[in-house]
Amino acid sequence: MAEVLFGIGLLVFLSLFFTAIFQRTLLPDVLLLMVLGIVLGPYVLGWVKPEDFGKSGGVMSTIALVVILFE
């Protein structure tokens, strides 16, 4: 569970970092997140496996609900 939360936190940090890069270079931040997903995915480094996505579903839905309620 700690790995899942660390991964989610890392993705949030990287998305904010990529947004800052986008504002300076006008390079889309989604493009950088897609490249990161390909690198970390099962085909290049193999750090994230397809069965790992089921573990983070409950955490992601809870975080999304909290964000929506506070908006």
Protein backbone atom coordinates (compact mmCIF):
# COMPACT_ATOMS: atom_id res chain seq x y z
CA MET A 1 0.00 0.00 0.00
CA ALA A 2 2.90 2.34 0.72
CA GLU A 3 4.28 1.81 -2.78
CA VAL A 4 0.93 2.74 -4.31
CA LEU A 5 0.69 5.97 -2.31
CA PHE A 6 4.30 6.81 -3.12
CA GLY A 7 3.63 6.23 -6.82
CA ILE A 8 0.54 8.42 -6.78
CA GLY A 9 2.41 11.18 -4.97
CA LEU A 10 5.27 10.93 -7.43
CA LEU A 11 2.89 11.20 -10.37
CA VAL A 12 1.21 14.27 -8.87
CA PHE A 13 4.61 15.90 -8.31
CA LEU A 14 5.77 15.06 -11.83
CA SER A 15 2.56 16.41 -13.35
CA LEU A 16 3.10 19.73 -11.55
CA PHE A 17 6.75 19.72 -12.62
CA PHE A 18 5.78 19.02 -16.22
CA THR A 19 3.22 21.83 -16.09
CA ALA A 20 6.01 24.22 -15.07
CA ILE A 21 8.11 22.95 -17.97
CA PHE A 22 5.13 23.46 -20.30
CA GLN A 23 4.76 27.07 -19.27
CA ARG A 24 8.41 27.75 -20.11
CA THR A 25 8.87 25.69 -23.27
CA LEU A 26 5.30 25.43 -24.63
CA LEU A 27 5.76 21.64 -24.80
CA PRO A 28 2.53 19.83 -23.82
CA ASP A 29 2.72 18.31 -20.34
CA VAL A 30 0.57 15.37 -21.42
CA LEU A 31 3.29 14.38 -23.88
CA LEU A 32 5.85 14.14 -21.09
CA LEU A 33 3.46 12.10 -18.92
CA MET A 34 2.86 9.70 -21.81
CA VAL A 35 6.61 9.24 -22.31
CA LEU A 36 7.00 8.62 -18.57
CA GLY A 37 4.23 6.00 -18.71
CA ILE A 38 5.89 4.22 -21.61
CA VAL A 39 9.26 4.20 -19.86
CA LEU A 40 7.89 2.93 -16.53
CA GLY A 41 5.46 0.51 -18.15
CA PRO A 42 5.85 -3.22 -18.75
CA TYR A 43 7.69 -2.87 -22.08
CA VAL A 44 10.74 -0.78 -21.16
CA LEU A 45 11.67 -0.88 -17.46
CA GLY A 46 8.90 -3.12 -16.20
CA TRP A 47 8.35 -1.20 -12.96
CA VAL A 48 4.59 -1.01 -13.44
CA LYS A 49 2.72 -4.18 -14.33
CA PRO A 50 -0.92 -4.40 -15.53
CA GLU A 51 -2.00 -6.09 -12.29
CA ASP A 52 -0.74 -3.08 -10.28
CA PHE A 53 -3.55 -0.92 -11.64
CA GLY A 54 -6.16 -2.85 -9.64
CA LYS A 55 -4.37 -1.98 -6.40
CA SER A 56 -4.57 1.77 -6.91
CA GLY A 57 -8.20 1.94 -8.06
CA GLY A 58 -9.68 2.38 -4.60
CA VAL A 59 -7.12 4.98 -3.60
CA MET A 60 -7.53 6.94 -6.84
CA SER A 61 -11.32 6.98 -6.59
CA THR A 62 -11.14 8.22 -2.98
CA ILE A 63 -8.70 10.99 -3.90
CA ALA A 64 -10.85 12.00 -6.90
CA LEU A 65 -13.94 12.14 -4.67
CA VAL A 66 -12.17 14.32 -2.09
CA VAL A 67 -10.93 16.71 -4.79
CA ILE A 68 -14.38 16.96 -6.37
CA LEU A 69 -16.05 17.60 -3.03
CA PHE A 70 -13.60 20.34 -2.08
CA GLU A 71 -13.97 22.07 -5.46
